[in-house]
Amino acid sequence: MMSGSVVDNAVSSSNTSVAIPRDTSGQILNLDEDDDLEVFSKDMIYTDGSSLSASMQTSPGSMVNQYKFEEEEEDADAKDIFVTVDNPESHVTAIETHITYRVVTKTTRSEFDSSEFEVRRRYQDFLWLRGRLEEAHPTLIVHPLPEKFVMKGMVERFNEDFIETRRRALHRFLNKIAGHPIFSSTEDFKIFLTAEAGELTSHKKQGPGFLSRVGETVRAVAAAVRGVRNRPAEFTVMQEYVEAFSEKMSSLDKVTQRIAREQKEHLQELKECGPTYMLWSNSEEELAEPLKSMAGCLDRCCKETEEQVKQLNDNLIPALHEYVLCTEILKAVLRRRDNMQAECEAKTEALATKKADREVESKVLSLAWDNFVGRSSEEVKQQKRQKLEGEIKEMQDELDKMEDRLEWANNALKSDWTRWQKVMRTDLRSAFINTAERNVNYYEKCLAVWESFLFSQRAEGEESGRIDSS
């Protein structure tokens, strides 16, 4: 199991718009899948990176920019399918308005009819793909999609920030699927990447019906009520890790939002300083040049700060929030695994009860049946025994299938858990390293601005001193 040190340290050291829903006093609408108005949030937020030690080099060109991950290099060599989500388009009809995105796929896989495909997909198509993968592989970890939040009366719901935020999230989702050893080989994924709109619609209709899904839900609820008696220790450890990971990621998410709000307010106030210094210089002749220099420095720092905000929103915030969403997916996967085990345990108990019934035959009932139908007690017993044997065999066959399914699910989850942890480490480490790089660049540029101001003022002071002495 991976230690929680990465998250612990982040807590203790406290793409466009980011995926964080705001408190809107009851103005959130929960729409059907056909309504493509889902978005994280329109608020732009960011956070600071980790502080650098005194021994660490401060030149990004000499250190951070040269940092490479072995995992990334290995994955790049082995990758045989590349997916890009871009070129969003708005579609307005008499019934609805929605966004579609171009999905371009390049691959060398033999199961594809061509090496390159281009289709257009809307958000509900991504939801369908994720649902199919989760349904077919209930104990594998499917990467999350952005949440669906819609604001009442939000006229500019399809603005550039909204669209770009979603596009980035959908691009990451498809590339996570493309990099998965099982999901990337499924027929549903292939259909999603290659089928024309009509063919995809037809394929969607081939899924399980409503009553089938209701039956699965009922069985899952029943299993959840029963619970599991003998969960393997490794899954208990896994569940405890997920609970701790969820708590830490949620804390990071909340702290980041709070810091971001404060820094956004600071940026707005900083933007007012430059013009104030310029106005002051008009009425202060002796200080005019220093005041104008201060205004210029503040303006340049504001521009660098805006760039830093953008870079952080493209990097750290999405990584943190996506893994907040991942924790809920992990919990759901573990619940489904537990439900399978609970069903097996219930079937095992029912089978044991049925076998006990086979050993106990009521003489009173046998004699009563014998007097009623005019047949011997032994004949009645034989018929009852044969019926019980048939029921027992049928239950045993069902139990064997359930046990095989549970064993496969357990092995799949253990393998996918290891893979997920590796991907998670790489994603978060990359986000932290990139954040450190952005901060180094930002503070070096701001430092250069203020050092130039000091140099100019000292030079001016020395020049003024020589004139006075002469």
Protein backbone atom coordinates (compact mmCIF):
# COMPACT_ATOMS: atom_id res chain seq x y z
CA MET A 1 0.00 0.00 0.00
CA MET A 2 1.16 3.49 -0.74
CA SER A 3 1.83 5.72 2.22
CA GLY A 4 -0.12 8.95 2.56
CA SER A 5 3.02 11.06 2.99
CA VAL A 6 2.52 13.02 -0.23
CA VAL A 7 -0.91 14.18 0.86
CA ASP A 8 0.08 14.61 4.50
CA ASN A 9 2.95 16.90 3.61
CA ALA A 10 0.76 18.93 1.31
CA VAL A 11 -1.82 19.45 4.04
CA SER A 12 0.65 20.30 6.76
CA SER A 13 2.54 22.85 4.61
CA SER A 14 -0.41 24.51 3.80
CA ASN A 15 -7.29 24.84 -17.50
CA THR A 16 -9.19 27.87 -17.54
CA SER A 17 -11.90 27.86 -14.88
CA VAL A 18 -11.70 25.09 -12.39
CA ALA A 19 -13.97 22.27 -11.46
CA ILE A 20 -15.21 23.39 -8.04
CA PRO A 21 -18.93 23.92 -7.46
CA ARG A 22 -19.95 27.02 -5.56
CA ASP A 23 -22.62 27.47 -2.91
CA THR A 24 -25.44 29.04 -4.89
CA SER A 25 -28.23 29.01 -2.32
CA GLY A 26 -30.33 26.38 -3.95
CA GLN A 27 -29.67 27.47 -7.50
CA ILE A 28 -28.11 24.16 -8.61
CA LEU A 29 -30.21 22.17 -11.06
CA ASN A 30 -29.84 18.42 -11.47
CA LEU A 31 -30.44 17.75 -15.17
CA ASP A 32 -30.89 14.62 -17.19
CA GLU A 33 -27.97 13.20 -19.12
CA ASP A 34 -29.32 14.75 -22.32
CA ASP A 35 -28.75 18.27 -20.96
CA ASP A 36 -25.17 19.19 -21.80
CA LEU A 37 -24.79 22.00 -19.28
CA GLU A 38 -22.40 20.30 -16.83
CA VAL A 39 -19.36 22.22 -15.64
CA PHE A 40 -17.09 22.35 -12.64
CA SER A 41 -17.31 26.08 -11.89
CA LYS A 42 -16.70 29.45 -13.52
CA ASP A 43 -14.59 30.72 -10.61
CA MET A 44 -10.87 30.98 -11.34
CA ILE A 45 -8.85 29.72 -8.36
CA TYR A 46 -5.28 28.75 -7.66
CA THR A 47 -2.88 27.84 -4.87
CA ASP A 48 0.77 28.25 -3.86
CA GLY A 49 3.33 25.57 -4.51
CA SER A 50 5.65 24.10 -1.90
CA SER A 51 8.45 26.24 -0.50
CA LEU A 52 11.96 25.56 -1.74
CA SER A 53 14.82 24.69 0.58
CA ALA A 54 17.89 26.90 0.73
CA SER A 55 20.02 24.19 -0.83
CA MET A 56 17.78 23.84 -3.87
CA GLN A 57 18.82 25.50 -7.11
CA THR A 58 16.60 28.46 -7.99
CA SER A 59 17.04 28.38 -11.74
CA PRO A 60 14.14 26.55 -13.39
CA GLY A 61 16.21 26.00 -16.48
CA SER A 62 18.88 24.15 -14.55
CA MET A 63 16.67 22.00 -12.38
CA VAL A 64 12.90 21.80 -12.67
CA ASN A 65 12.61 21.91 -16.46
CA GLN A 66 14.98 18.97 -16.75
CA TYR A 67 12.96 16.76 -14.41
CA LYS A 68 11.56 13.69 -16.17
CA PHE A 69 9.52 10.77 -14.90
CA GLU A 70 10.62 7.27 -15.77
CA GLU A 71 6.98 6.16 -15.80
CA GLU A 72 6.08 8.77 -18.42
CA GLU A 73 8.97 7.81 -20.67
CA GLU A 74 8.09 4.12 -20.45
CA ASP A 75 4.41 4.78 -21.15
CA ALA A 76 5.24 6.93 -24.16
CA ASP A 77 7.27 4.10 -25.70
CA ALA A 78 4.51 1.51 -25.16
CA LYS A 79 1.53 3.64 -26.14
CA ASP A 80 -0.23 2.61 -29.35
CA ILE A 81 -3.37 4.73 -29.23
CA PHE A 82 -3.48 8.55 -29.01
CA VAL A 83 -6.71 10.50 -28.45
CA THR A 84 -7.27 14.26 -28.64
CA VAL A 85 -10.40 16.19 -27.65
CA ASP A 86 -10.58 19.64 -29.25
CA ASN A 87 -12.52 22.01 -31.54
CA PRO A 88 -15.74 22.48 -29.50
CA GLU A 89 -18.85 23.60 -31.41
CA SER A 90 -22.20 24.91 -30.19
CA HIS A 91 -25.35 23.40 -31.68
CA VAL A 92 -28.62 25.31 -31.35
CA THR A 93 -31.94 23.66 -32.18
CA ALA A 94 -35.55 24.41 -31.38
CA ILE A 95 -35.38 21.89 -28.54
CA GLU A 96 -31.96 22.39 -26.97
CA THR A 97 -28.52 23.93 -27.13
CA HIS A 98 -25.50 21.69 -26.63
CA ILE A 99 -21.76 21.46 -27.25
CA THR A 100 -19.98 18.80 -29.27
CA TYR A 101 -16.25 18.13 -29.26
CA ARG A 102 -14.05 16.68 -31.94
CA VAL A 103 -12.42 13.40 -30.90
CA VAL A 104 -9.39 12.50 -33.03
CA THR A 105 -7.83 9.06 -32.62
CA LYS A 106 -4.54 7.82 -34.03
CA THR A 107 -3.60 4.20 -33.48
CA THR A 108 -1.46 1.32 -34.72
CA ARG A 109 -3.75 -1.38 -33.31
CA SER A 110 -4.77 -4.11 -35.71
CA GLU A 111 -8.38 -4.31 -34.48
CA PHE A 112 -9.07 -0.84 -35.91
CA ASP A 113 -9.97 -0.59 -39.60
CA SER A 114 -7.89 2.55 -40.07
CA SER A 115 -5.02 4.33 -38.36
CA GLU A 116 -6.92 7.58 -37.82
CA PHE A 117 -10.51 8.47 -36.92
CA GLU A 118 -12.38 11.71 -36.35
CA VAL A 119 -15.83 11.92 -34.75
CA ARG A 120 -17.86 14.46 -32.80
CA ARG A 121 -19.20 13.66 -29.34
CA ARG A 122 -21.27 15.49 -26.74
CA TYR A 123 -21.04 15.15 -22.98
CA GLN A 124 -23.81 12.57 -22.70
CA ASP A 125 -21.78 10.28 -25.01
CA PHE A 126 -18.89 10.42 -22.56
CA LEU A 127 -21.32 9.61 -19.75
CA TRP A 128 -22.58 6.61 -21.73
CA LEU A 129 -19.04 5.32 -22.29
CA ARG A 130 -18.13 5.64 -18.65
CA GLY A 131 -21.34 3.92 -17.58
CA ARG A 132 -20.74 1.00 -19.96
CA LEU A 133 -17.19 0.50 -18.75
CA GLU A 134 -18.29 0.58 -15.13
CA GLU A 135 -21.16 -1.81 -15.80
CA ALA A 136 -18.98 -4.34 -17.62
CA HIS A 137 -16.10 -4.10 -15.12
CA PRO A 138 -17.63 -3.21 -11.74
CA THR A 139 -14.40 -3.69 -9.77
CA LEU A 140 -12.13 -1.76 -12.11
CA ILE A 141 -11.45 1.94 -11.49
CA VAL A 142 -12.90 4.18 -14.21
CA HIS A 143 -11.46 7.72 -14.22
CA PRO A 144 -14.05 10.40 -13.31
CA LEU A 145 -15.75 12.85 -15.62
CA PRO A 146 -16.36 16.46 -14.55
CA GLU A 147 -19.47 16.94 -12.48
CA LYS A 148 -22.68 18.34 -13.92
CA PHE A 149 -23.60 21.68 -12.36
CA VAL A 150 -25.94 24.21 -13.94
CA MET A 151 -26.77 27.66 -12.67
CA LYS A 152 -30.32 28.99 -13.00
CA GLY A 153 -30.43 32.00 -15.25
CA MET A 154 -26.79 31.62 -16.29
CA VAL A 155 -27.01 33.31 -19.67
CA GLU A 156 -23.32 32.86 -20.48
CA ARG A 157 -23.25 29.16 -19.64
CA PHE A 158 -21.43 28.34 -22.86
CA ASN A 159 -18.67 30.90 -22.50
CA GLU A 160 -15.06 30.14 -23.35
CA ASP A 161 -14.02 29.28 -19.79
CA PHE A 162 -16.90 26.85 -19.41
CA ILE A 163 -16.12 25.08 -22.68
CA GLU A 164 -12.35 24.95 -22.21
CA THR A 165 -12.65 23.60 -18.66
CA ARG A 166 -14.87 20.78 -19.84
CA ARG A 167 -12.72 20.07 -22.91
CA ARG A 168 -9.62 19.62 -20.78
CA ALA A 169 -11.45 17.27 -18.42
CA LEU A 170 -12.88 15.19 -21.27
CA HIS A 171 -9.45 15.01 -22.92
CA ARG A 172 -7.90 13.72 -19.69
CA PHE A 173 -10.73 11.20 -19.25
CA LEU A 174 -10.30 9.67 -22.71
CA ASN A 175 -6.53 9.47 -22.35
CA LYS A 176 -6.89 7.69 -19.02
CA ILE A 177 -9.16 5.17 -20.72
CA ALA A 178 -6.77 4.85 -23.68
CA GLY A 179 -3.92 4.11 -21.28
CA HIS A 180 -5.84 1.40 -19.39
CA PRO A 181 -4.89 -2.18 -20.34
CA ILE A 182 -8.50 -3.43 -20.25
CA PHE A 183 -10.73 -0.43 -20.98
CA SER A 184 -8.75 0.53 -24.08
CA SER A 185 -9.50 -2.86 -25.66
CA THR A 186 -13.26 -2.88 -25.08
CA GLU A 187 -15.75 -2.79 -27.94
CA ASP A 188 -17.58 0.15 -26.35
CA PHE A 189 -14.43 2.28 -26.37
CA LYS A 190 -13.75 1.35 -29.99
CA ILE A 191 -17.32 2.25 -30.97
CA PHE A 192 -17.04 5.57 -29.11
CA LEU A 193 -13.87 6.50 -31.00
CA THR A 194 -14.92 5.37 -34.46
CA ALA A 195 -18.70 5.22 -34.92
CA GLU A 196 -20.70 7.89 -36.71
CA ALA A 197 -23.49 9.53 -34.73
CA GLY A 198 -26.24 7.22 -36.01
CA GLU A 199 -24.23 4.06 -35.39
CA LEU A 200 -23.38 5.20 -31.87
CA THR A 201 -27.05 5.91 -31.12
CA SER A 202 -27.96 2.41 -32.31
CA HIS A 203 -25.21 0.88 -30.17
CA LYS A 204 -26.44 2.75 -27.10
CA LYS A 205 -29.87 1.15 -27.42
CA GLN A 206 -28.34 -2.32 -27.09
CA GLY A 207 -27.58 -1.81 -23.41
CA PRO A 208 -29.51 -3.49 -20.55
CA GLY A 209 -33.12 -2.46 -20.11
CA PHE A 210 -34.61 -0.49 -17.27
CA LEU A 211 -35.99 -3.52 -15.42
CA SER A 212 -32.61 -5.24 -15.61
CA ARG A 213 -30.92 -2.21 -14.05
CA VAL A 214 -33.60 -2.04 -11.35
CA GLY A 215 -32.98 -5.71 -10.55
CA GLU A 216 -29.26 -5.08 -10.17
CA THR A 217 -29.98 -2.13 -7.88
CA VAL A 218 -32.34 -4.15 -5.70
CA ARG A 219 -29.76 -6.93 -5.32
CA ALA A 220 -27.07 -4.40 -4.48
CA VAL A 221 -29.25 -2.79 -1.79
CA ALA A 222 -30.06 -6.20 -0.31
CA ALA A 223 -26.36 -7.12 -0.26
CA ALA A 224 -25.49 -3.81 1.36
CA VAL A 225 -28.08 -4.40 4.10
CA ARG A 226 -26.67 -7.87 4.80
CA GLY A 227 -23.08 -6.67 4.76
CA VAL A 228 -20.04 -8.95 4.56
CA ARG A 229 -18.83 -11.17 7.37
CA ASN A 230 -15.38 -12.23 6.25
CA ARG A 231 -13.94 -9.51 4.04
CA PRO A 232 -10.32 -10.34 3.13
CA ALA A 233 -7.88 -8.25 5.15
CA GLU A 234 -6.31 -6.72 2.04
CA PHE A 235 -9.64 -5.13 1.06
CA THR A 236 -10.17 -3.82 4.58
CA VAL A 237 -6.76 -2.16 4.40
CA MET A 238 -7.67 -0.81 0.98
CA GLN A 239 -10.91 0.66 2.32
CA GLU A 240 -9.13 2.32 5.24
CA TYR A 241 -6.60 3.83 2.84
CA VAL A 242 -9.39 5.22 0.62
CA GLU A 243 -11.13 6.81 3.61
CA ALA A 244 -7.90 8.50 4.72
CA PHE A 245 -7.01 9.52 1.16
CA SER A 246 -10.50 10.97 0.67
CA GLU A 247 -10.26 13.03 3.85
CA LYS A 248 -6.85 14.42 2.93
CA MET A 249 -7.73 15.24 -0.68
CA SER A 250 -10.93 16.96 0.42
CA SER A 251 -8.95 19.04 2.92
CA LEU A 252 -6.45 20.01 0.22
CA ASP A 253 -9.29 20.94 -2.10
CA LYS A 254 -10.98 23.17 0.48
CA VAL A 255 -7.75 24.84 1.60
CA THR A 256 -6.79 25.49 -2.01
CA GLN A 257 -10.13 27.13 -2.69
CA ARG A 258 -9.78 29.37 0.35
CA ILE A 259 -6.23 30.40 -0.56
CA ALA A 260 -7.31 30.99 -4.14
CA ARG A 261 -10.15 33.29 -3.13
CA GLU A 262 -7.80 35.32 -0.96
CA GLN A 263 -5.14 35.56 -3.67
CA LYS A 264 -7.73 36.52 -6.26
CA GLU A 265 -8.83 39.36 -4.00
CA HIS A 266 -5.18 40.34 -3.51
CA LEU A 267 -4.67 40.41 -7.28
CA GLN A 268 -7.66 42.69 -7.77
CA GLU A 269 -6.33 45.09 -5.15
CA LEU A 270 -2.84 44.96 -6.63
CA LYS A 271 -4.25 46.04 -9.98
CA GLU A 272 -5.50 49.25 -8.35
CA CYS A 273 -2.06 50.19 -6.98
CA GLY A 274 -0.38 51.00 -10.30
CA PRO A 275 -2.93 53.64 -11.41
CA THR A 276 -2.87 55.16 -7.92
CA TYR A 277 0.90 55.65 -8.09
CA MET A 278 0.57 57.19 -11.55
CA LEU A 279 -2.05 59.69 -10.34
CA TRP A 280 0.11 60.54 -7.36
CA SER A 281 3.10 61.25 -9.63
CA ASN A 282 1.10 64.01 -11.36
CA SER A 283 0.90 66.03 -8.16
CA GLU A 284 4.31 65.19 -6.61
CA GLU A 285 7.00 66.71 -8.81
CA GLU A 286 10.00 65.68 -6.67
CA LEU A 287 8.83 62.05 -6.47
CA ALA A 288 7.38 61.78 -9.97
CA GLU A 289 10.01 59.43 -11.39
CA PRO A 290 10.11 56.99 -8.44
CA LEU A 291 6.31 56.92 -8.35
CA LYS A 292 6.09 56.18 -12.07
CA SER A 293 8.70 53.44 -11.65
CA MET A 294 6.66 51.91 -8.81
CA ALA A 295 3.56 51.96 -11.01
CA GLY A 296 5.45 50.25 -13.83
CA CYS A 297 6.82 47.56 -11.51
CA LEU A 298 3.37 46.86 -10.09
CA ASP A 299 1.86 46.57 -13.54
CA ARG A 300 4.53 44.05 -14.63
CA CYS A 301 4.05 42.02 -11.45
CA CYS A 302 0.29 42.01 -12.02
CA LYS A 303 0.80 40.54 -15.49
CA GLU A 304 3.10 37.86 -14.10
CA THR A 305 0.57 37.09 -11.36
CA GLU A 306 -2.22 36.69 -13.90
CA GLU A 307 -0.05 34.26 -15.85
CA GLN A 308 0.71 32.30 -12.70
CA VAL A 309 -3.00 32.07 -11.91
CA LYS A 310 -3.69 30.69 -15.38
CA GLN A 311 -0.90 28.14 -15.19
CA LEU A 312 -2.00 26.90 -11.78
CA ASN A 313 -5.58 26.52 -12.96
CA ASP A 314 -4.35 24.46 -15.90
CA ASN A 315 -2.22 22.19 -13.72
CA LEU A 316 -2.59 21.84 -9.95
CA ILE A 317 -6.28 22.55 -9.38
CA PRO A 318 -7.61 20.02 -11.92
CA ALA A 319 -5.24 17.34 -10.60
CA LEU A 320 -6.36 17.85 -7.01
CA HIS A 321 -10.05 18.00 -7.81
CA GLU A 322 -10.05 14.99 -10.12
CA TYR A 323 -8.59 12.90 -7.31
CA VAL A 324 -11.28 14.19 -4.97
CA LEU A 325 -13.74 12.73 -7.48
CA CYS A 326 -11.62 9.57 -7.71
CA THR A 327 -12.11 8.87 -4.02
CA GLU A 328 -15.87 8.53 -4.52
CA ILE A 329 -15.27 6.16 -7.42
CA LEU A 330 -12.92 4.05 -5.28
CA LYS A 331 -15.54 3.84 -2.54
CA ALA A 332 -18.17 2.73 -5.07
CA VAL A 333 -15.84 0.05 -6.48
CA LEU A 334 -15.18 -1.34 -3.00
CA ARG A 335 -18.92 -1.35 -2.26
CA ARG A 336 -19.60 -3.33 -5.42
CA ARG A 337 -16.93 -5.84 -4.47
CA ASP A 338 -18.47 -6.18 -1.01
CA ASN A 339 -21.92 -6.65 -2.57
CA MET A 340 -20.61 -9.57 -4.64
CA GLN A 341 -19.17 -11.20 -1.54
CA ALA A 342 -22.38 -10.60 0.41
CA GLU A 343 -24.37 -12.31 -2.35
CA CYS A 344 -22.01 -15.28 -2.23
CA GLU A 345 -22.32 -15.54 1.53
CA ALA A 346 -26.12 -15.37 1.35
CA LYS A 347 -26.20 -18.06 -1.36
CA THR A 348 -23.86 -20.24 0.72
CA GLU A 349 -26.20 -19.98 3.72
CA ALA A 350 -29.24 -20.79 1.58
CA LEU A 351 -27.47 -23.84 0.17
CA ALA A 352 -26.52 -25.05 3.64
CA THR A 353 -30.15 -24.71 4.73
CA LYS A 354 -31.34 -26.64 1.70
CA LYS A 355 -28.86 -29.45 2.40
CA ALA A 356 -30.11 -29.63 5.98
CA ASP A 357 -33.67 -29.98 4.69
CA ARG A 358 -32.56 -32.94 2.64
CA GLU A 359 -31.57 -34.77 5.82
CA VAL A 360 -34.77 -34.03 7.66
CA GLU A 361 -37.99 -35.57 6.36
CA SER A 362 -41.15 -35.32 8.34
CA LYS A 363 -42.78 -38.71 8.93
CA VAL A 364 -46.00 -37.00 9.83
CA LEU A 365 -46.18 -35.19 6.49
CA SER A 366 -45.14 -38.32 4.62
CA LEU A 367 -47.88 -40.39 6.24
CA ALA A 368 -50.44 -37.66 5.67
CA TRP A 369 -49.47 -37.48 2.00
CA ASP A 370 -49.53 -41.30 1.81
CA ASN A 371 -53.09 -41.49 3.19
CA PHE A 372 -54.21 -38.72 0.84
CA VAL A 373 -52.83 -40.09 -2.43
CA GLY A 374 -52.71 -43.75 -1.60
CA ARG A 375 -48.97 -44.11 -2.12
CA SER A 376 -46.28 -45.48 0.17
CA SER A 377 -44.30 -43.23 2.46
CA GLU A 378 -41.06 -44.40 0.82
CA GLU A 379 -42.27 -43.30 -2.61
CA VAL A 380 -43.16 -39.82 -1.30
CA LYS A 381 -39.76 -39.52 0.38
CA GLN A 382 -38.01 -40.48 -2.82
CA GLN A 383 -39.86 -37.82 -4.80
CA LYS A 384 -39.09 -35.17 -2.18
CA ARG A 385 -35.46 -36.25 -2.11
CA GLN A 386 -35.17 -35.99 -5.88
CA LYS A 387 -36.73 -32.53 -5.85
CA LEU A 388 -34.33 -31.35 -3.15
CA GLU A 389 -31.36 -32.82 -5.01
CA GLY A 390 -32.35 -30.88 -8.12
CA GLU A 391 -32.71 -27.64 -6.17
CA ILE A 392 -29.39 -28.21 -4.42
CA LYS A 393 -27.59 -28.85 -7.69
CA GLU A 394 -29.07 -25.72 -9.22
CA MET A 395 -28.06 -23.63 -6.20
CA GLN A 396 -24.58 -25.17 -6.19
CA ASP A 397 -24.10 -24.28 -9.85
CA GLU A 398 -25.20 -20.70 -9.17
CA LEU A 399 -22.86 -20.49 -6.18
CA ASP A 400 -19.92 -21.81 -8.22
CA LYS A 401 -20.52 -19.13 -10.85
CA MET A 402 -20.81 -16.42 -8.19
CA GLU A 403 -17.59 -17.57 -6.52
CA ASP A 404 -15.77 -17.56 -9.85
CA ARG A 405 -17.08 -14.06 -10.55
CA LEU A 406 -16.03 -12.89 -7.09
CA GLU A 407 -12.55 -14.36 -7.50
CA TRP A 408 -12.15 -12.64 -10.87
CA ALA A 409 -13.44 -9.36 -9.41
CA ASN A 410 -11.04 -9.57 -6.47
CA ASN A 411 -8.05 -10.23 -8.70
CA ALA A 412 -9.10 -7.48 -11.11
CA LEU A 413 -9.45 -4.95 -8.29
CA LYS A 414 -6.09 -5.84 -6.76
CA SER A 415 -4.35 -5.47 -10.10
CA ASP A 416 -6.16 -2.26 -11.00
CA TRP A 417 -5.50 -0.85 -7.54
CA THR A 418 -1.76 -1.21 -8.09
CA ARG A 419 -2.05 0.40 -11.52
CA TRP A 420 -4.21 3.24 -10.15
CA GLN A 421 -1.74 4.02 -7.37
CA LYS A 422 1.10 4.25 -9.88
CA VAL A 423 -0.90 6.61 -12.10
CA MET A 424 -2.01 8.67 -9.10
CA ARG A 425 1.56 9.09 -7.87
CA THR A 426 2.70 10.18 -11.32
CA ASP A 427 -0.20 12.63 -11.77
CA LEU A 428 0.17 14.30 -8.38
CA ARG A 429 3.97 14.33 -8.45
CA SER A 430 3.85 15.93 -11.89
CA ALA A 431 1.34 18.52 -10.68
CA PHE A 432 3.50 19.37 -7.65
CA ILE A 433 6.70 19.61 -9.70
CA ASN A 434 5.00 21.81 -12.32
CA THR A 435 3.58 24.02 -9.58
CA ALA A 436 7.04 24.42 -8.08
CA GLU A 437 8.40 25.32 -11.51
CA ARG A 438 5.68 27.92 -12.07
CA ASN A 439 6.34 29.45 -8.66
CA VAL A 440 10.09 29.62 -9.25
CA ASN A 441 9.50 31.34 -12.60
CA TYR A 442 6.97 33.72 -11.10
CA TYR A 443 9.05 34.79 -8.11
CA GLU A 444 12.25 35.08 -10.16
CA LYS A 445 10.53 37.42 -12.62
CA CYS A 446 8.97 39.53 -9.86
CA LEU A 447 12.32 39.62 -8.05
CA ALA A 448 14.01 40.87 -11.23
CA VAL A 449 11.39 43.62 -11.55
CA TRP A 450 11.99 44.93 -8.03
CA GLU A 451 15.76 44.55 -8.23
CA SER A 452 15.75 46.71 -11.35
CA PHE A 453 13.74 49.32 -9.44
CA LEU A 454 16.25 49.29 -6.55
CA PHE A 455 19.18 49.56 -8.95
CA SER A 456 17.65 52.54 -10.75
CA GLN A 457 16.81 54.35 -7.53
CA ARG A 458 20.25 53.78 -6.02
CA ALA A 459 21.91 55.00 -9.21
CA GLU A 460 19.69 58.06 -9.18
CA GLY A 461 20.47 58.67 -5.52
CA GLU A 462 24.20 58.46 -6.12
CA GLU A 463 23.92 60.84 -9.09
CA SER A 464 21.91 63.26 -7.00
CA GLY A 465 24.51 63.10 -4.22
CA ARG A 466 27.36 63.95 -6.59
CA ILE A 467 25.45 66.95 -7.93
CA ASP A 468 24.74 68.22 -4.41
CA SER A 469 28.39 67.85 -3.33
CA SER A 470 29.63 69.76 -6.35
